[in-house]
Protein backbone atom coordinates (compact mmCIF):
# COMPACT_ATOMS: atom_id res chain seq x y z
CA MET A 1 -13.19 -5.14 -7.53
CA PRO A 2 -13.94 -2.53 -4.84
CA ASP A 3 -12.71 0.99 -5.56
CA VAL A 4 -13.11 3.01 -2.37
CA ALA A 5 -11.24 5.96 -3.91
CA ALA A 6 -14.26 6.45 -6.19
CA ASP A 7 -16.65 6.86 -3.27
CA ILE A 8 -18.60 10.09 -3.53
CA GLY A 9 -19.22 11.98 -0.31
CA ALA A 10 -18.90 15.32 1.37
CA SER A 11 -15.17 15.54 0.69
CA ASP A 12 -13.41 18.84 0.17
CA GLY A 13 -11.57 19.48 -3.08
CA LEU A 14 -7.77 19.53 -3.16
CA ASP A 15 -5.34 21.63 -5.19
CA TRP A 16 -2.92 18.80 -6.03
CA VAL A 17 -2.89 15.05 -5.46
CA GLY A 18 -0.47 12.52 -6.92
CA MET A 19 2.89 10.83 -6.49
CA ASP A 20 6.41 12.06 -5.84
CA ALA A 21 9.92 10.65 -6.40
CA ILE A 22 8.83 8.17 -9.09
CA GLU A 23 11.92 6.44 -10.51
CA LEU A 24 11.98 6.41 -14.31
CA PRO A 25 14.56 6.34 -17.13
CA LEU A 26 14.51 9.39 -19.35
CA ARG A 27 15.58 9.89 -22.95
CA LEU A 28 16.72 13.29 -24.17
CA VAL A 29 16.60 14.57 -27.73
CA GLY A 30 19.70 13.47 -29.66
CA GLN A 31 20.21 10.30 -27.62
CA THR A 32 19.53 6.83 -29.01
CA ASP A 33 20.05 4.03 -26.52
CA LEU A 34 21.17 6.17 -23.57
CA ARG A 35 18.68 6.62 -20.74
CA MET A 36 19.10 9.12 -17.91
CA PRO A 37 17.83 8.21 -14.43
CA ALA A 38 15.13 10.65 -13.33
CA ARG A 39 12.79 11.27 -10.43
CA VAL A 40 9.30 12.36 -11.40
CA SER A 41 6.41 14.00 -9.57
CA ALA A 42 2.95 13.67 -11.17
CA GLN A 43 -0.17 15.40 -9.87
CA VAL A 44 -3.72 16.45 -10.73
CA ASP A 45 -6.29 18.49 -8.84
CA LEU A 46 -9.31 16.82 -7.20
CA ARG A 47 -12.80 18.25 -7.35
CA GLU A 48 -15.00 18.67 -4.33
CA GLY A 49 -17.04 15.60 -3.46
CA ALA A 50 -14.51 13.06 -4.76
CA ARG A 51 -12.50 11.01 -2.29
CA GLY A 52 -9.39 10.31 -4.32
CA ILE A 53 -7.69 10.01 -7.70
CA HIS A 54 -6.51 6.97 -9.67
CA MET A 55 -2.75 7.10 -9.06
CA SER A 56 -2.06 4.02 -11.15
CA ARG A 57 -3.36 5.87 -14.21
CA LEU A 58 -0.77 8.60 -13.70
CA TYR A 59 2.02 6.05 -13.34
CA LEU A 60 1.01 4.06 -16.40
CA ALA A 61 0.83 7.24 -18.49
CA LEU A 62 4.33 8.19 -17.35
CA ASP A 63 5.68 4.74 -18.10
CA ALA A 64 4.09 4.67 -21.55
CA GLN A 65 5.18 8.12 -22.68
CA LEU A 66 8.35 9.16 -20.84
CA ALA A 67 10.31 5.92 -20.92
CA ASP A 68 10.51 5.55 -24.70
CA ALA A 69 10.03 8.90 -26.46
CA PRO A 70 12.62 11.73 -26.31
CA LEU A 71 11.61 14.50 -23.94
CA SER A 72 10.00 17.51 -25.67
CA PRO A 73 7.38 20.19 -24.97
CA ALA A 74 4.87 18.33 -27.15
CA LEU A 75 5.43 15.10 -25.21
CA LEU A 76 4.94 16.87 -21.88
CA GLU A 77 1.73 18.52 -23.03
CA SER A 78 0.40 15.20 -24.35
CA LEU A 79 1.25 13.54 -21.03
CA LEU A 80 -0.60 16.16 -19.00
CA ARG A 81 -3.65 15.99 -21.26
CA GLU A 82 -3.71 12.24 -20.69
CA PHE A 83 -3.56 12.83 -16.92
CA VAL A 84 -6.67 15.02 -17.13
CA ALA A 85 -8.50 12.76 -19.61
CA SER A 86 -7.92 9.73 -17.39
CA HIS A 87 -9.54 11.65 -14.52
CA ALA A 88 -12.53 13.05 -16.37
CA GLY A 89 -15.05 14.37 -13.88
CA LEU A 90 -12.40 14.49 -11.14
CA SER A 91 -9.67 16.80 -12.40
CA THR A 92 -9.17 19.76 -14.73
CA ARG A 93 -5.51 20.55 -14.04
CA ALA A 94 -2.29 18.56 -14.15
CA ARG A 95 1.42 19.05 -13.60
CA VAL A 96 4.60 17.04 -13.76
CA ARG A 97 8.08 17.74 -12.37
CA ILE A 98 11.13 15.88 -13.65
CA ASP A 99 14.51 16.01 -11.88
CA PHE A 100 17.58 14.70 -13.69
CA ASP A 101 21.22 15.47 -14.46
CA GLN A 102 22.21 16.90 -17.83
CA PHE A 103 25.75 15.82 -18.78
CA LEU A 104 27.58 17.99 -21.29
CA ARG A 105 30.97 17.48 -22.94
CA ARG A 106 33.12 20.53 -22.26
CA ALA A 107 36.31 21.58 -24.05
CA ALA A 108 39.29 22.67 -21.99
CA LEU A 109 40.23 26.35 -22.19
CA ALA A 110 43.52 25.94 -24.05
CA SER A 111 44.87 22.38 -24.24
CA GLY A 112 42.34 20.88 -26.63
CA ASN A 113 41.27 18.22 -24.12
CA CYS A 114 37.66 17.57 -23.13
CA GLY A 115 35.79 16.44 -20.03
CA TRP A 116 32.27 15.95 -18.70
CA ARG A 117 30.28 18.37 -16.55
CA ARG A 118 27.05 17.56 -14.71
CA TYR A 119 24.19 20.07 -14.45
CA PRO A 120 21.19 19.36 -12.20
CA VAL A 121 17.96 20.17 -14.08
CA THR A 122 14.32 20.37 -12.99
CA LEU A 123 11.56 20.57 -15.60
CA THR A 124 8.10 21.61 -14.41
CA ALA A 125 5.22 21.43 -16.90
CA SER A 126 1.68 22.54 -15.99
CA LEU A 127 -1.66 22.26 -17.77
CA LEU A 128 -4.15 24.77 -16.38
CA PRO A 129 -7.37 26.28 -17.74
CA THR A 130 -5.20 29.23 -18.82
CA GLY A 131 -2.93 27.01 -20.91
CA PHE A 132 0.23 24.91 -20.96
CA THR A 133 3.53 26.18 -19.50
CA ILE A 134 7.05 24.83 -18.98
CA GLU A 135 9.70 26.03 -16.55
CA VAL A 136 13.34 24.95 -16.60
CA ALA A 137 15.44 25.21 -13.45
CA PHE A 138 19.16 24.46 -13.46
CA ALA A 139 22.37 25.41 -11.70
CA VAL A 140 25.83 26.31 -12.96
CA VAL A 141 29.00 26.47 -10.88
CA TYR A 142 31.59 29.17 -11.54
CA SER A 143 34.54 30.94 -9.96
CA SER A 144 34.19 34.46 -8.57
CA THR A 145 37.15 36.69 -7.76
CA CYS A 146 36.41 39.52 -5.31
CA PRO A 147 36.93 42.99 -6.87
CA ALA A 148 37.70 44.56 -3.47
CA SER A 149 40.31 41.91 -2.69
CA THR A 150 41.73 42.37 -6.19
CA ALA A 151 42.19 46.10 -5.65
CA LEU A 152 43.83 45.56 -2.26
CA ALA A 153 46.21 42.95 -3.67
CA ARG A 154 47.18 45.25 -6.55
CA GLN A 155 47.91 48.03 -4.05
CA LEU A 156 50.28 45.80 -2.07
CA VAL A 157 52.08 44.66 -5.22
CA ALA A 158 52.47 48.29 -6.33
CA GLU A 159 53.87 49.26 -2.93
CA ASP A 160 56.38 46.39 -3.02
CA PHE A 161 57.40 47.38 -6.54
CA ALA A 162 57.94 50.98 -5.44
CA GLN A 163 60.22 49.79 -2.63
CA ALA A 164 62.19 47.46 -4.91
CA PHE A 165 62.82 50.11 -7.60
CA ALA A 166 63.87 53.54 -6.45
CA ALA A 167 62.06 56.48 -7.97
CA ASP A 168 65.28 58.36 -8.77
CA ALA A 169 67.01 55.42 -10.47
CA PRO A 170 66.61 54.38 -14.11
CA LEU A 171 64.25 51.41 -14.49
CA ASP A 172 65.99 48.21 -15.56
CA ARG A 173 63.37 46.46 -17.70
CA ASP A 174 64.91 43.00 -17.35
CA ALA A 175 65.23 43.39 -13.58
CA ALA A 176 61.60 44.53 -13.38
CA LEU A 177 60.45 41.52 -15.38
CA ARG A 178 62.43 39.15 -13.13
CA TRP A 179 60.91 40.82 -10.08
CA LEU A 180 57.36 40.52 -11.47
CA ALA A 181 57.89 36.86 -12.45
CA GLY A 182 59.31 35.97 -9.03
CA GLU A 183 57.72 35.57 -5.64
CA HIS A 184 57.84 39.33 -5.04
CA GLY A 185 55.57 40.01 -8.00
CA MET A 186 52.64 38.24 -6.35
CA ARG A 187 53.15 38.93 -2.66
CA ALA A 188 49.36 39.27 -2.30
CA THR A 189 46.59 37.47 -4.20
CA PRO A 190 42.87 38.29 -4.32
CA HIS A 191 40.49 35.78 -2.82
CA SER A 192 38.12 33.84 -5.05
CA GLN A 193 35.65 31.04 -4.45
CA ARG A 194 33.46 28.44 -6.08
CA SER A 195 30.05 30.00 -6.67
CA THR A 196 26.61 28.80 -7.75
CA ALA A 197 23.98 30.38 -9.96
CA SER A 198 20.51 28.83 -9.69
CA ILE A 199 18.26 29.83 -12.60
CA ARG A 200 14.56 29.22 -13.20
CA ALA A 201 13.29 30.19 -16.64
CA ARG A 202 9.74 30.09 -18.03
CA LEU A 203 9.92 29.06 -21.66
CA LEU A 204 8.14 30.88 -24.45
CA PRO A 205 4.93 29.06 -25.52
CA GLY A 206 5.08 27.06 -28.73
CA ILE A 207 8.75 26.08 -28.76
CA GLU A 208 9.43 22.69 -30.33
CA ALA A 209 12.51 21.59 -28.37
CA LEU A 210 13.75 22.02 -24.82
CA PRO A 211 16.71 24.44 -25.00
CA LEU A 212 18.64 22.92 -22.11
CA GLN A 213 22.16 23.21 -23.52
CA ARG A 214 21.44 26.64 -24.99
CA LEU A 215 20.41 27.97 -21.56
CA ILE A 216 23.32 26.36 -19.74
CA ASP A 217 25.77 27.68 -22.36
CA GLY A 218 24.19 31.13 -22.10
CA ALA A 219 24.55 31.26 -18.32
CA GLU A 220 28.18 30.12 -18.40
CA GLY A 221 28.96 32.57 -21.18
CA ALA A 222 27.47 35.46 -19.20
CA LEU A 223 29.51 34.58 -16.11
CA ALA A 224 32.71 33.88 -18.13
CA THR A 225 34.40 31.75 -15.43
CA PRO A 226 32.61 28.35 -15.28
CA VAL A 227 34.47 25.60 -13.44
CA GLN A 228 36.45 23.23 -15.63
CA ALA A 229 36.69 19.46 -16.17
CA ALA A 230 39.93 18.54 -18.01
CA VAL A 231 42.73 20.84 -16.83
CA LYS A 232 46.41 20.95 -17.84
CA ARG A 233 48.74 23.75 -16.75
CA ILE A 234 47.98 25.76 -19.88
CA ASP A 235 44.25 25.49 -19.05
CA GLU A 236 44.88 26.55 -15.46
CA GLN A 237 46.74 29.61 -16.68
CA ALA A 238 43.88 30.49 -19.03
CA PHE A 239 41.45 30.06 -16.12
CA ALA A 240 43.57 32.37 -13.96
CA ARG A 241 43.49 34.96 -16.75
CA ALA A 242 39.69 34.66 -17.07
CA ASN A 243 39.30 35.24 -13.34
CA GLY A 244 41.74 38.15 -13.43
CA VAL A 245 39.77 40.04 -16.08
CA ASN A 246 36.37 39.13 -14.61
CA PRO A 247 36.38 40.09 -10.92
CA MET A 248 32.80 40.20 -9.66
CA PHE A 249 30.73 40.63 -6.56
CA CYS A 250 27.57 38.54 -6.30
CA GLU A 251 25.67 41.66 -7.43
CA ASP A 252 27.79 41.81 -10.60
CA ALA A 253 27.16 38.14 -11.37
CA ALA A 254 23.40 38.59 -10.90
CA ARG A 255 23.35 41.59 -13.25
CA ARG A 256 25.29 39.67 -15.91
CA LEU A 257 22.73 36.88 -15.80
CA ARG A 258 19.82 39.31 -15.92
CA GLN A 259 21.21 41.07 -18.98
CA TRP A 260 21.63 37.71 -20.73
CA LEU A 261 18.15 36.47 -19.82
CA GLN A 262 16.54 39.72 -20.96
CA ARG A 263 18.06 39.12 -24.40
CA GLU A 264 17.19 35.39 -24.56
CA PRO A 265 14.27 35.07 -27.04
CA LEU A 266 13.12 31.64 -25.77
CA VAL A 267 12.48 32.87 -22.21
CA SER A 268 9.34 34.69 -21.09
CA GLY A 269 10.16 35.07 -17.39
CA PHE A 270 12.92 34.15 -14.96
CA GLN A 271 14.19 33.97 -11.40
CA VAL A 272 17.87 33.86 -10.43
CA ARG A 273 19.79 33.34 -7.21
CA VAL A 274 23.57 33.55 -7.06
CA ALA A 275 25.60 32.45 -4.06
CA HIS A 276 29.31 33.14 -3.61
CA HIS A 277 30.57 30.57 -1.09
CA GLU A 278 33.11 32.91 0.44
CA SER A 279 36.70 31.90 1.08
CA LEU A 280 37.22 35.03 3.24
CA HIS A 281 34.03 34.85 5.29
CA ALA A 282 32.33 31.93 6.99
CA HIS A 283 29.06 32.85 5.26
CA ASP A 284 27.81 33.18 1.68
CA ALA A 285 27.21 36.37 -0.28
CA VAL A 286 23.93 36.11 -2.22
CA ALA A 287 21.87 38.10 -4.72
CA GLU A 288 18.44 37.35 -6.19
CA PHE A 289 16.07 38.77 -8.77
CA GLY A 290 13.06 37.77 -10.83
CA ALA A 291 11.27 39.23 -13.84
CA GLY A 292 8.63 38.49 -16.44
CA ARG A 293 9.40 39.83 -19.88
CA ARG A 294 6.18 39.23 -21.80
């Protein structure tokens, strides 16, 4: 059958050629029959003088390897080597990007209940003459309470308390507790908002498993106020306490994540962007940083 893509002529080379938004089921390590829907991008480079690549070979390799075997660094490297081998004489580089949702079971803060949380994940694996690399990008959602607003609210509460209890009168402890527990004790509240941390981490070469849950857990642990799934009143109170002892500007959140990533032994480089979707302002407060550790 004719194959016009194999025609040789005076064609320029291209950095990347392939397919995007391929729909495939994905199996993660630890799952048996469960498949996650994923969208995959598969590409190779194209040498000068060649008109086109064999896209069907990329698709068939994806279907043969990704649909049945659990996702792992070894599987991704094998897949990319098959991309290059199937385009011998045409390509020397390959890459694949996989977008999917990681669902994790999360325990409530105090009630003992559990619920599901969804984390969007992008895996990008590349095979270059310099070697094989994997990057993991994901996002976590958390609550951020403004430190400036917290200080202003505390000042107003202190002023109201000073007016309610005269300086020259003995302090009635029970009356003070009733005042603090009533509407007067919280005349002003600091503003807080749902916030997003977007993290891209380059994994250390040679790891055997994809540390998706470890990285997500690490980011939420560093921020200390991830949004919740199952919530009873006792959980809501625990969440309010966590926000009260963890006020943070976007700069503070970014520094917390950087300190965690610098200690994470499975990460060799990273980029982070945090966005606080302000409840006071009509715009977001953002902070970004990137670093390579080794």
